[in-house]
Amino acid sequence: MYFKSPFYSMSGVVSSEHPLASMVGASVLKEGNAVDATVSIGFSLSVVLPHLSGLGGDFFALVMDPNGRVHFLNGSGYAPGKLTLDFMRRLGFSSMPSHGVYSISIPGMVDGLYKLWRRFGSLDWSKLVLPAIKIAYGFPATKSLCEAISNLKDELMKDRGSRETYLSGNKVPSEGDIISFKGLAKALEMVSSDPRSFYEGEIAESIVDYVNSLGGVLELEDFKRYSSEFGDPLSIEYRGKRVYEMPPNAQGITTLHILRLLEDLDLKEIPPNSMRRIKIMVDNAKVAYGVRDMYVTDPRYMNLRGHDLLSDDFIGRMRNSMLRVNEKSINGADTTFFAVADDGWLVAAIQSIFHNFGSYITEPKFNITLNSRASSFSLDEEHINRLEPYKKTLHTLSAVILECSERLMAIGISGGHYRPLFHSQLITNIIDYGFHPQEAIEYPRFRWNPGTNLVECEEGYDNHPIAGYEVRKLPYPARMGVAAIVEIKERLRAGYADTRGDGLPIGII
């Protein structure tokens, strides 16, 4: 049983967290490929879900080409050149602030989408940006956007740009109200003509001037030198299936670590809705997150490479390890994932400004809300993820491509630091328990908050206690990540969306 109906097609399909973005992507698939659709969806989501993603944030993608090779695009930004340990300490900080001017890293999304299109796209770039421009001039607000603005109204009111962008007349919009971001539309028009204008033109200048007027330390050179990067994904074999994830600085390796630690267990003998399953997966997640926090950062600064961290020897050490994450709970964060498939390509894409409305700072001329990703750096000079100029922080974004016999799936979910545990639930739902993809998405979830003994789970799990943990039940469906899956199975293209969100899967004939 499931609540949302899949969309089945023999040509192409999109699943995203907003119906307008899914419609845009499906429309592009009529002429272009899945990468073209990815560009249009990414920009459209930046308009309709500005609390989750935007031009001021980051973008990652896994792309399986028609030959079966998987490519990784890293569109994450780095710390500004003047944002240093010494600078933050002189200001009196002992840890990075969650929001504000010092939480901002250089946005990577625009260049990430552009590089992806340059390598794999087929349609004209400006044509792909056009739908987002049209939407920015006016669209109906969704319930989730209105709730996000309402929940953070007090914070948004403090910043002139955020106040003018989201609280016209100091009023929170209501669901269905037609809202517009005319400054963002102008920025998108400039990007449609020249993507590098975001980094080398008026947009970058306006962001630098505004942030620095608030006490920030951005420089135009920080933007001019930015470039997204292609690389290879990490992958493992799990129960005979190939699982691809995003490499560092992304936290995809943590998903793979959890799965490798589960390899010796027969999960099929453990009921999927049991507290025993939760305990086993959380116990292993504790070790995996401990490794993440000890080893993962910008790969240029890592002591061990991703493949070294997945070696049999290292996994053996993990199984015998008492590694645990720091005794500090994590801050909530969110993002938006989408997936696209056509007759030859499969894309798993994810974009974010980290926390809802990121830094809470919005450049007013172009309505660009800036991320809070630099908040993830450590101010401990001995920590692997310590703050350094032009360094990329440990990043919560990741996504999965799953090769499952004759089936291929692009899988992902929102959820910040919780994502590896959520990914492992989706994958074990499909591989170990044989769930239909829509059932796998809608099945009750659980999460553990690193640094605490709190486990939260949606209604549907049994009522047995878990030794060493406090268990809290949440009504179903809780806002425990919003997932999506796109599947290729022989001639079938299928899209699946989460009942926990507003999105829809939409395809073409």
Protein backbone atom coordinates (compact mmCIF):
# COMPACT_ATOMS: atom_id res chain seq x y z
CA MET A 1 0.00 0.00 0.00
CA TYR A 2 1.16 3.52 -0.77
CA PHE A 3 -0.38 7.00 -0.91
CA LYS A 4 1.19 8.76 -3.89
CA SER A 5 0.90 7.18 -7.30
CA PRO A 6 4.08 6.63 -9.32
CA PHE A 7 4.35 8.09 -12.81
CA TYR A 8 5.14 5.45 -15.42
CA SER A 9 6.53 6.34 -18.83
CA MET A 10 8.43 4.71 -21.67
CA SER A 11 10.29 7.90 -22.60
CA GLY A 12 11.33 10.04 -19.64
CA VAL A 13 10.34 11.06 -16.13
CA VAL A 14 11.17 13.62 -13.42
CA SER A 15 10.57 13.55 -9.68
CA SER A 16 11.16 16.73 -7.69
CA GLU A 17 9.90 18.40 -4.53
CA HIS A 18 7.75 20.95 -6.37
CA PRO A 19 5.11 20.30 -9.08
CA LEU A 20 6.12 23.34 -11.15
CA ALA A 21 9.74 22.19 -11.27
CA SER A 22 8.68 18.68 -12.25
CA MET A 23 6.49 20.13 -15.03
CA VAL A 24 9.39 22.23 -16.28
CA GLY A 25 11.70 19.21 -16.33
CA ALA A 26 9.19 17.02 -18.15
CA SER A 27 8.67 19.75 -20.74
CA VAL A 28 12.41 19.98 -21.40
CA LEU A 29 12.59 16.20 -21.85
CA LYS A 30 10.37 16.51 -24.93
CA GLU A 31 13.32 18.05 -26.80
CA GLY A 32 16.43 17.61 -24.67
CA ASN A 33 18.07 15.04 -22.44
CA ALA A 34 18.01 14.46 -18.68
CA VAL A 35 20.95 16.84 -18.13
CA ASP A 36 19.12 19.63 -19.92
CA ALA A 37 16.12 18.94 -17.70
CA THR A 38 18.39 19.01 -14.65
CA VAL A 39 19.49 22.57 -15.46
CA SER A 40 15.91 23.81 -15.83
CA ILE A 41 14.72 22.00 -12.70
CA GLY A 42 17.65 23.24 -10.62
CA PHE A 43 17.02 26.88 -11.48
CA SER A 44 13.25 26.51 -11.09
CA LEU A 45 13.60 24.99 -7.62
CA SER A 46 15.81 27.94 -6.70
CA VAL A 47 12.79 30.18 -7.31
CA VAL A 48 9.93 28.15 -5.82
CA LEU A 49 11.84 26.69 -2.85
CA PRO A 50 14.12 29.59 -1.82
CA HIS A 51 14.17 28.40 1.79
CA LEU A 52 15.84 25.16 0.68
CA SER A 53 18.02 26.08 -2.29
CA GLY A 54 19.04 28.90 -4.56
CA LEU A 55 21.70 30.71 -6.54
CA GLY A 56 23.37 31.51 -3.23
CA GLY A 57 23.91 27.82 -2.46
CA ASP A 58 25.50 24.63 -3.75
CA PHE A 59 24.69 21.85 -6.23
CA PHE A 60 25.88 18.23 -6.57
CA ALA A 61 24.98 15.56 -9.12
CA LEU A 62 25.62 11.95 -10.03
CA VAL A 63 25.09 11.32 -13.75
CA MET A 64 25.00 7.90 -15.39
CA ASP A 65 25.64 8.32 -19.12
CA PRO A 66 24.23 6.05 -21.87
CA ASN A 67 27.39 3.90 -21.65
CA GLY A 68 26.77 3.15 -17.97
CA ARG A 69 29.58 5.32 -16.59
CA VAL A 70 28.76 7.38 -13.50
CA HIS A 71 30.14 10.93 -13.23
CA PHE A 72 30.22 13.17 -10.15
CA LEU A 73 29.79 16.95 -10.29
CA ASN A 74 30.87 18.87 -7.19
CA GLY A 75 29.32 22.33 -7.14
CA SER A 76 30.15 23.16 -3.53
CA GLY A 77 31.77 26.42 -2.53
CA TYR A 78 34.78 27.22 -0.39
CA ALA A 79 35.52 29.57 2.49
CA PRO A 80 36.28 33.19 1.57
CA GLY A 81 39.96 34.09 1.52
CA LYS A 82 39.74 36.38 4.55
CA LEU A 83 37.66 34.00 6.68
CA THR A 84 40.42 32.47 8.79
CA LEU A 85 40.82 30.84 12.20
CA ASP A 86 42.73 33.84 13.54
CA PHE A 87 40.10 36.25 12.26
CA MET A 88 37.23 34.36 13.91
CA ARG A 89 39.13 34.02 17.19
CA ARG A 90 39.90 37.74 17.25
CA LEU A 91 36.16 38.31 16.99
CA GLY A 92 35.70 36.11 20.06
CA PHE A 93 34.20 33.01 18.41
CA SER A 94 34.99 29.56 19.81
CA SER A 95 32.86 27.84 17.17
CA MET A 96 31.48 28.86 13.79
CA PRO A 97 28.16 30.75 13.93
CA SER A 98 25.19 28.92 12.41
CA HIS A 99 23.98 32.02 10.54
CA GLY A 100 25.09 35.52 9.60
CA VAL A 101 27.88 36.95 7.45
CA TYR A 102 30.57 34.57 8.72
CA SER A 103 28.51 31.46 7.88
CA ILE A 104 28.60 32.18 4.13
CA SER A 105 30.76 30.19 1.71
CA ILE A 106 31.15 31.09 -1.98
CA PRO A 107 28.09 29.71 -3.82
CA GLY A 108 28.79 26.92 -6.30
CA MET A 109 25.39 26.18 -7.79
CA VAL A 110 25.43 28.38 -10.90
CA ASP A 111 28.83 27.20 -12.07
CA GLY A 112 27.94 23.61 -11.19
CA LEU A 113 24.87 23.60 -13.42
CA TYR A 114 26.79 25.35 -16.17
CA LYS A 115 29.69 22.87 -16.12
CA LEU A 116 27.23 19.96 -16.12
CA TRP A 117 25.47 21.42 -19.17
CA ARG A 118 28.73 22.17 -21.01
CA ARG A 119 29.81 18.55 -20.77
CA PHE A 120 26.52 16.71 -21.25
CA GLY A 121 23.74 19.11 -22.29
CA SER A 122 22.18 19.28 -25.75
CA LEU A 123 19.86 22.32 -25.82
CA ASP A 124 20.67 26.03 -25.79
CA TRP A 125 21.67 27.22 -22.30
CA SER A 126 19.53 30.36 -22.32
CA LYS A 127 16.47 28.32 -23.25
CA LEU A 128 17.00 26.10 -20.20
CA VAL A 129 17.11 29.06 -17.79
CA LEU A 130 14.01 30.70 -19.30
CA PRO A 131 11.35 28.71 -17.35
CA ALA A 132 12.85 29.79 -14.02
CA ILE A 133 12.85 33.43 -15.19
CA LYS A 134 9.14 33.20 -16.05
CA ILE A 135 8.34 31.62 -12.68
CA ALA A 136 10.32 34.27 -10.78
CA TYR A 137 8.01 36.98 -12.17
CA GLY A 138 5.08 35.34 -10.36
CA PHE A 139 4.03 31.95 -8.95
CA PRO A 140 1.64 30.58 -6.29
CA ALA A 141 3.27 30.07 -2.90
CA THR A 142 3.12 26.56 -1.47
CA LYS A 143 2.22 25.68 2.10
CA SER A 144 5.79 24.60 2.90
CA LEU A 145 7.28 27.92 1.73
CA CYS A 146 4.72 29.95 3.69
CA GLU A 147 5.34 27.88 6.81
CA ALA A 148 9.10 28.34 6.47
CA ILE A 149 8.72 32.12 6.17
CA SER A 150 6.33 32.18 9.13
CA ASN A 151 8.61 30.03 11.31
CA LEU A 152 11.62 32.26 10.65
CA LYS A 153 9.87 35.60 10.32
CA ASP A 154 11.72 37.16 13.26
CA GLU A 155 15.12 36.22 11.81
CA LEU A 156 14.23 37.31 8.27
CA MET A 157 12.95 40.65 9.55
CA LYS A 158 16.42 41.48 10.89
CA ASP A 159 17.95 41.56 7.41
CA ARG A 160 16.81 44.22 4.94
CA GLY A 161 17.26 41.96 1.93
CA SER A 162 15.36 39.04 3.46
CA ARG A 163 12.61 41.34 4.75
CA GLU A 164 12.08 42.99 1.36
CA THR A 165 12.24 39.68 -0.50
CA TYR A 166 10.00 37.46 1.63
CA LEU A 167 7.91 39.75 3.84
CA SER A 168 6.33 42.36 1.60
CA GLY A 169 4.64 44.85 3.87
CA ASN A 170 5.99 42.84 6.83
CA LYS A 171 3.36 40.21 5.99
CA VAL A 172 3.85 36.46 5.71
CA PRO A 173 2.36 35.19 2.42
CA SER A 174 -0.48 32.68 2.55
CA GLU A 175 -0.68 29.43 0.62
CA GLY A 176 -1.79 30.19 -2.93
CA ASP A 177 -0.75 33.85 -2.84
CA ILE A 178 1.00 34.93 -6.03
CA ILE A 179 4.48 36.03 -5.10
CA SER A 180 7.38 37.20 -7.25
CA PHE A 181 11.12 37.73 -7.00
CA LYS A 182 11.76 40.32 -9.70
CA GLY A 183 15.37 40.82 -8.65
CA LEU A 184 16.00 37.09 -8.92
CA ALA A 185 14.38 37.12 -12.37
CA LYS A 186 16.90 39.79 -13.43
CA ALA A 187 19.78 37.75 -12.03
CA LEU A 188 18.58 34.69 -13.93
CA GLU A 189 18.33 36.74 -17.12
CA MET A 190 21.97 37.74 -16.68
CA VAL A 191 22.97 34.13 -15.96
CA SER A 192 21.08 32.96 -19.05
CA SER A 193 23.29 35.23 -21.17
CA ASP A 194 26.54 34.57 -19.32
CA PRO A 195 26.74 32.13 -16.37
CA ARG A 196 30.05 33.62 -15.26
CA SER A 197 28.32 36.97 -14.68
CA PHE A 198 27.35 35.51 -11.32
CA TYR A 199 31.04 35.31 -10.41
CA GLU A 200 32.66 38.09 -12.41
CA GLY A 201 29.98 40.73 -12.94
CA GLU A 202 27.30 42.83 -11.32
CA ILE A 203 25.77 39.98 -9.30
CA ALA A 204 29.04 39.14 -7.54
CA GLU A 205 29.71 42.83 -6.94
CA SER A 206 26.29 43.34 -5.36
CA ILE A 207 26.68 40.28 -3.10
CA VAL A 208 30.14 41.37 -1.93
CA ASP A 209 29.06 44.96 -1.30
CA TYR A 210 25.93 43.98 0.62
CA VAL A 211 27.50 41.29 2.79
CA ASN A 212 30.48 43.50 3.61
CA SER A 213 28.16 46.38 4.54
CA LEU A 214 26.96 44.02 7.29
CA GLY A 215 30.48 43.27 8.50
CA GLY A 216 31.39 40.42 6.13
CA VAL A 217 34.77 39.74 4.53
CA LEU A 218 33.92 38.71 0.97
CA GLU A 219 36.11 39.76 -1.96
CA LEU A 220 35.45 39.75 -5.69
CA GLU A 221 38.50 37.53 -6.09
CA ASP A 222 36.71 34.87 -3.97
CA PHE A 223 34.05 34.68 -6.69
CA LYS A 224 36.28 35.09 -9.73
CA ARG A 225 38.51 32.14 -8.85
CA TYR A 226 35.62 29.75 -8.15
CA SER A 227 35.14 26.70 -10.40
CA SER A 228 33.07 23.57 -9.86
CA GLU A 229 34.73 20.20 -10.43
CA PHE A 230 34.07 16.83 -12.00
CA GLY A 231 35.26 13.67 -10.30
CA ASP A 232 34.55 10.00 -9.82
CA PRO A 233 31.93 8.66 -7.43
CA LEU A 234 32.60 6.18 -4.67
CA SER A 235 30.89 2.81 -4.90
CA ILE A 236 30.54 -0.49 -3.09
CA GLU A 237 28.78 -3.78 -3.69
CA TYR A 238 25.96 -4.42 -1.22
CA ARG A 239 24.15 -7.78 -1.38
CA GLY A 240 25.36 -8.12 -4.96
CA LYS A 241 24.07 -4.68 -6.00
CA ARG A 242 26.26 -1.71 -6.90
CA VAL A 243 25.72 1.45 -4.83
CA TYR A 244 27.23 4.74 -6.04
CA GLU A 245 27.58 7.70 -3.67
CA MET A 246 29.22 11.11 -3.69
CA PRO A 247 32.85 11.32 -2.50
CA PRO A 248 34.36 13.81 -0.03
CA ASN A 249 33.88 16.61 0.68
CA ALA A 250 30.34 15.17 0.50
CA GLN A 251 29.27 12.79 3.26
CA GLY A 252 28.24 10.03 0.83
CA ILE A 253 30.96 7.78 2.20
CA THR A 254 28.99 7.63 5.47
CA THR A 255 26.08 5.97 3.65
CA LEU A 256 28.49 3.39 2.22
CA HIS A 257 30.09 2.83 5.63
CA ILE A 258 26.71 2.08 7.22
CA LEU A 259 25.91 -0.41 4.46
CA ARG A 260 29.29 -2.12 4.74
CA LEU A 261 28.85 -2.46 8.51
CA LEU A 262 25.48 -4.13 7.85
CA GLU A 263 26.88 -6.64 5.34
CA ASP A 264 27.36 -9.49 7.83
CA LEU A 265 23.81 -9.21 9.18
CA ASP A 266 20.74 -10.88 7.67
CA LEU A 267 18.32 -7.99 7.88
CA LYS A 268 15.58 -10.07 6.28
CA GLU A 269 15.35 -11.97 9.56
CA ILE A 270 14.72 -8.70 11.43
CA PRO A 271 11.24 -7.17 10.98
CA PRO A 272 11.49 -3.85 9.12
CA ASN A 273 9.21 -2.11 11.64
CA SER A 274 11.05 -3.35 14.71
CA MET A 275 13.03 -1.43 17.29
CA ARG A 276 15.68 -4.10 16.81
CA ARG A 277 16.24 -2.87 13.24
CA ILE A 278 16.48 0.71 14.51
CA LYS A 279 19.04 -0.21 17.17
CA ILE A 280 21.23 -2.16 14.75
CA MET A 281 21.25 0.60 12.15
CA VAL A 282 21.79 3.41 14.67
CA ASP A 283 24.60 1.50 16.42
CA ASN A 284 26.38 1.19 13.08
CA ALA A 285 25.59 4.77 12.14
CA LYS A 286 27.35 5.94 15.31
CA VAL A 287 30.58 4.34 14.11
CA ALA A 288 30.14 5.64 10.56
CA TYR A 289 29.47 9.19 11.70
CA GLY A 290 32.49 8.98 14.00
CA VAL A 291 34.68 8.15 11.01
CA ARG A 292 33.09 10.97 9.01
CA ASP A 293 33.85 13.55 11.67
CA MET A 294 37.41 12.27 12.10
CA TYR A 295 38.44 11.95 8.44
CA VAL A 296 36.13 13.74 5.96
CA THR A 297 36.64 17.26 4.65
CA ASP A 298 37.89 18.86 1.43
CA PRO A 299 39.80 15.92 -0.16
CA ARG A 300 42.87 18.13 -0.66
CA TYR A 301 43.24 18.21 3.13
CA MET A 302 42.38 14.58 3.96
CA ASN A 303 44.91 12.13 5.35
CA LEU A 304 43.23 9.14 3.69
CA ARG A 305 41.45 9.02 0.32
CA GLY A 306 37.86 7.90 -0.03
CA HIS A 307 38.79 4.50 -1.46
CA ASP A 308 41.19 3.93 1.44
CA LEU A 309 38.34 4.56 3.87
CA LEU A 310 36.28 1.86 2.13
CA SER A 311 39.00 -0.81 2.09
CA ASP A 312 38.36 -4.15 3.79
CA ASP A 313 41.12 -3.36 6.26
CA PHE A 314 39.57 -0.05 7.27
CA ILE A 315 36.06 -1.54 7.51
CA GLY A 316 37.48 -4.23 9.78
CA ARG A 317 38.95 -1.55 12.01
CA MET A 318 35.58 0.21 12.06
CA ARG A 319 33.83 -2.98 13.19
CA ASN A 320 36.21 -3.22 16.13
CA SER A 321 36.20 0.49 16.84
CA MET A 322 34.72 2.55 19.61
CA LEU A 323 34.66 5.66 17.42
CA ARG A 324 31.81 7.98 18.27
CA VAL A 325 30.77 11.45 17.13
CA ASN A 326 31.41 14.49 19.25
CA GLU A 327 29.08 15.00 22.20
CA LYS A 328 27.42 17.89 20.48
CA SER A 329 24.02 17.75 18.86
CA ILE A 330 23.73 18.94 15.27
CA ASN A 331 21.72 21.85 13.96
CA GLY A 332 18.81 21.10 11.69
CA ALA A 333 19.32 21.71 7.99
CA ASP A 334 17.44 21.02 4.82
CA THR A 335 17.81 20.80 1.07
CA THR A 336 15.98 19.52 -1.98
CA PHE A 337 16.69 16.44 -4.11
CA PHE A 338 15.42 15.58 -7.58
CA ALA A 339 16.01 12.86 -10.15
CA VAL A 340 15.60 12.59 -13.93
CA ALA A 341 15.69 9.72 -16.42
CA ASP A 342 15.30 9.57 -20.18
CA ASP A 343 16.10 6.93 -22.77
CA GLY A 344 19.83 7.04 -22.05
CA TRP A 345 20.65 9.21 -19.05
CA LEU A 346 20.00 8.98 -15.31
CA VAL A 347 20.61 11.94 -12.97
CA ALA A 348 20.51 12.20 -9.17
CA ALA A 349 20.80 15.89 -8.24
CA ILE A 350 20.71 17.77 -4.96
CA GLN A 351 21.01 21.46 -4.05
CA SER A 352 20.95 23.45 -0.85
CA ILE A 353 21.63 26.65 1.09
CA PHE A 354 22.06 24.40 4.20
CA HIS A 355 19.73 25.70 6.92
CA ASN A 356 16.27 27.00 6.02
CA PHE A 357 17.01 30.40 4.42
CA GLY A 358 20.72 29.67 4.94
CA SER A 359 22.55 32.58 6.54
CA TYR A 360 19.28 34.58 6.83
CA ILE A 361 21.00 37.16 4.60
CA THR A 362 19.53 38.02 1.20
CA GLU A 363 21.20 40.34 -1.28
CA PRO A 364 18.30 42.78 -1.93
CA LYS A 365 18.93 43.87 -5.53
CA PHE A 366 18.82 40.31 -6.90
CA ASN A 367 16.85 38.56 -4.12
CA ILE A 368 19.64 35.98 -3.66
CA THR A 369 19.59 34.31 -0.25
CA LEU A 370 23.08 33.24 0.75
CA ASN A 371 24.00 29.87 2.23
CA SER A 372 25.22 29.08 5.75
CA ARG A 373 27.56 26.27 4.69
CA ALA A 374 30.70 27.72 6.31
CA SER A 375 29.03 27.10 9.67
CA SER A 376 30.16 23.48 9.32
CA PHE A 377 33.85 24.33 9.70
CA SER A 378 35.63 23.72 13.00
CA LEU A 379 37.63 26.41 14.81
CA ASP A 380 39.80 23.72 16.41
CA GLU A 381 43.15 23.99 14.62
CA GLU A 382 43.78 20.27 15.18
CA HIS A 383 40.49 19.22 13.53
CA ILE A 384 40.57 17.80 9.99
CA ASN A 385 37.67 20.08 9.03
CA ARG A 386 39.19 23.25 10.48
CA LEU A 387 38.48 26.57 8.78
CA GLU A 388 41.02 27.55 6.12
CA PRO A 389 40.83 30.04 3.22
CA TYR A 390 39.47 28.54 -0.03
CA LYS A 391 38.82 25.21 1.68
CA LYS A 392 35.59 23.28 1.18
CA THR A 393 33.92 22.07 4.35
CA LEU A 394 32.54 18.63 5.12
CA HIS A 395 29.29 18.81 3.16
CA THR A 396 25.97 17.18 4.03
CA LEU A 397 24.78 16.88 0.42
CA SER A 398 24.90 13.45 -1.19
CA ALA A 399 22.82 11.24 -3.47
CA VAL A 400 22.72 7.63 -4.67
CA ILE A 401 22.61 5.72 -7.93
CA LEU A 402 21.74 2.06 -7.42
CA GLU A 403 22.46 -0.70 -9.94
CA CYS A 404 20.08 -3.46 -8.98
CA SER A 405 20.23 -6.33 -11.50
CA GLU A 406 18.27 -5.08 -14.52
CA ARG A 407 17.08 -1.98 -12.66
CA LEU A 408 18.73 1.40 -12.19
CA MET A 409 17.58 3.94 -9.60
CA ALA A 410 18.49 7.51 -8.70
CA ILE A 411 17.72 7.89 -4.99
CA GLY A 412 17.90 10.85 -2.65
CA ILE A 413 16.34 12.70 0.24
CA SER A 414 16.53 15.96 2.15
CA GLY A 415 17.73 15.80 5.73
CA GLY A 416 21.13 17.40 6.26
CA HIS A 417 23.31 15.39 8.64
CA TYR A 418 20.63 12.70 8.88
CA ARG A 419 20.95 11.89 5.16
CA PRO A 420 23.32 8.87 5.35
CA LEU A 421 21.04 7.16 7.87
CA PHE A 422 18.01 7.98 5.70
CA HIS A 423 19.78 6.73 2.56
CA SER A 424 20.66 3.45 4.27
CA GLN A 425 17.00 3.00 5.24
CA LEU A 426 15.80 3.56 1.67
CA ILE A 427 18.42 1.19 0.26
CA THR A 428 17.76 -1.59 2.80
CA ASN A 429 14.02 -1.15 2.26
CA ILE A 430 14.57 -1.92 -1.42
CA ILE A 431 17.38 -4.50 -1.32
CA ASP A 432 16.90 -6.33 1.99
CA TYR A 433 13.14 -6.10 2.35
CA GLY A 434 12.14 -6.11 -1.31
CA PHE A 435 9.89 -3.07 -1.09
CA HIS A 436 8.42 -1.43 -4.16
CA PRO A 437 10.22 1.93 -4.58
CA GLN A 438 7.11 3.91 -3.64
CA GLU A 439 6.68 1.76 -0.52
CA ALA A 440 10.37 2.25 0.29
CA ILE A 441 9.89 6.04 0.20
CA GLU A 442 6.68 6.09 2.24
CA TYR A 443 7.72 3.51 4.85
CA PRO A 444 8.03 5.01 8.38
CA ARG A 445 11.49 6.46 9.03
CA PHE A 446 13.69 6.96 12.03
CA ARG A 447 16.58 9.25 12.85
CA TRP A 448 19.24 9.52 15.51
CA ASN A 449 20.58 12.92 16.49
CA PRO A 450 24.40 12.62 16.61
CA GLY A 451 25.80 13.64 19.95
CA THR A 452 22.68 12.54 21.83
CA ASN A 453 20.89 9.30 22.79
CA LEU A 454 17.64 10.48 21.17
CA VAL A 455 16.03 8.33 18.49
CA GLU A 456 12.88 9.62 16.82
CA CYS A 457 10.69 7.40 14.66
CA GLU A 458 7.43 7.80 12.85
CA GLU A 459 4.39 5.81 13.90
CA GLY A 460 4.52 2.27 12.57
CA TYR A 461 7.37 0.79 14.61
CA ASP A 462 6.78 -1.56 17.52
CA ASN A 463 6.80 -0.31 21.09
CA HIS A 464 9.78 -2.20 22.51
CA PRO A 465 12.36 -0.06 24.34
CA ILE A 466 15.92 0.29 23.03
CA ALA A 467 18.64 -0.08 25.64
CA GLY A 468 20.73 3.07 25.89
CA TYR A 469 18.39 5.25 23.85
CA GLU A 470 15.47 7.56 24.46
CA VAL A 471 12.79 6.79 21.85
CA ARG A 472 10.28 9.38 20.74
CA LYS A 473 7.38 8.50 18.41
CA LEU A 474 6.22 11.08 15.89
CA PRO A 475 2.88 11.15 14.03
CA TYR A 476 3.06 9.83 10.48
CA PRO A 477 3.97 11.48 8.19
CA ALA A 478 6.53 13.59 10.04
CA ARG A 479 8.84 16.04 8.30
CA MET A 480 11.61 13.47 8.36
CA GLY A 481 13.19 14.14 5.01
CA VAL A 482 11.49 14.32 1.63
CA ALA A 483 12.64 11.56 -0.72
CA ALA A 484 12.37 10.89 -4.44
CA ILE A 485 13.33 8.01 -6.71
CA VAL A 486 13.51 7.65 -10.47
CA GLU A 487 13.84 4.14 -11.87
CA ILE A 488 14.86 2.64 -15.21
CA LYS A 489 13.69 -0.92 -15.76
CA GLU A 490 14.02 -2.20 -19.31
CA ARG A 491 11.67 0.08 -21.34
CA LEU A 492 10.04 1.55 -18.24
CA ARG A 493 10.87 4.97 -16.78
CA ALA A 494 9.22 5.45 -13.39
CA GLY A 495 9.11 8.37 -10.98
CA TYR A 496 8.26 8.24 -7.28
CA ALA A 497 7.66 11.14 -4.86
CA ASP A 498 7.25 11.37 -1.09
CA THR A 499 3.95 11.88 0.68
CA ARG A 500 5.92 13.97 3.20
CA GLY A 501 6.42 16.73 0.63
CA ASP A 502 4.65 18.74 -2.07
CA GLY A 503 6.40 17.17 -5.04
CA LEU A 504 5.12 15.08 -7.91
CA PRO A 505 6.65 12.73 -10.46
CA ILE A 506 5.82 13.81 -14.02
CA GLY A 507 6.87 12.23 -17.28
CA ILE A 508 6.35 12.34 -21.03
CA ILE A 509 4.69 10.02 -23.50
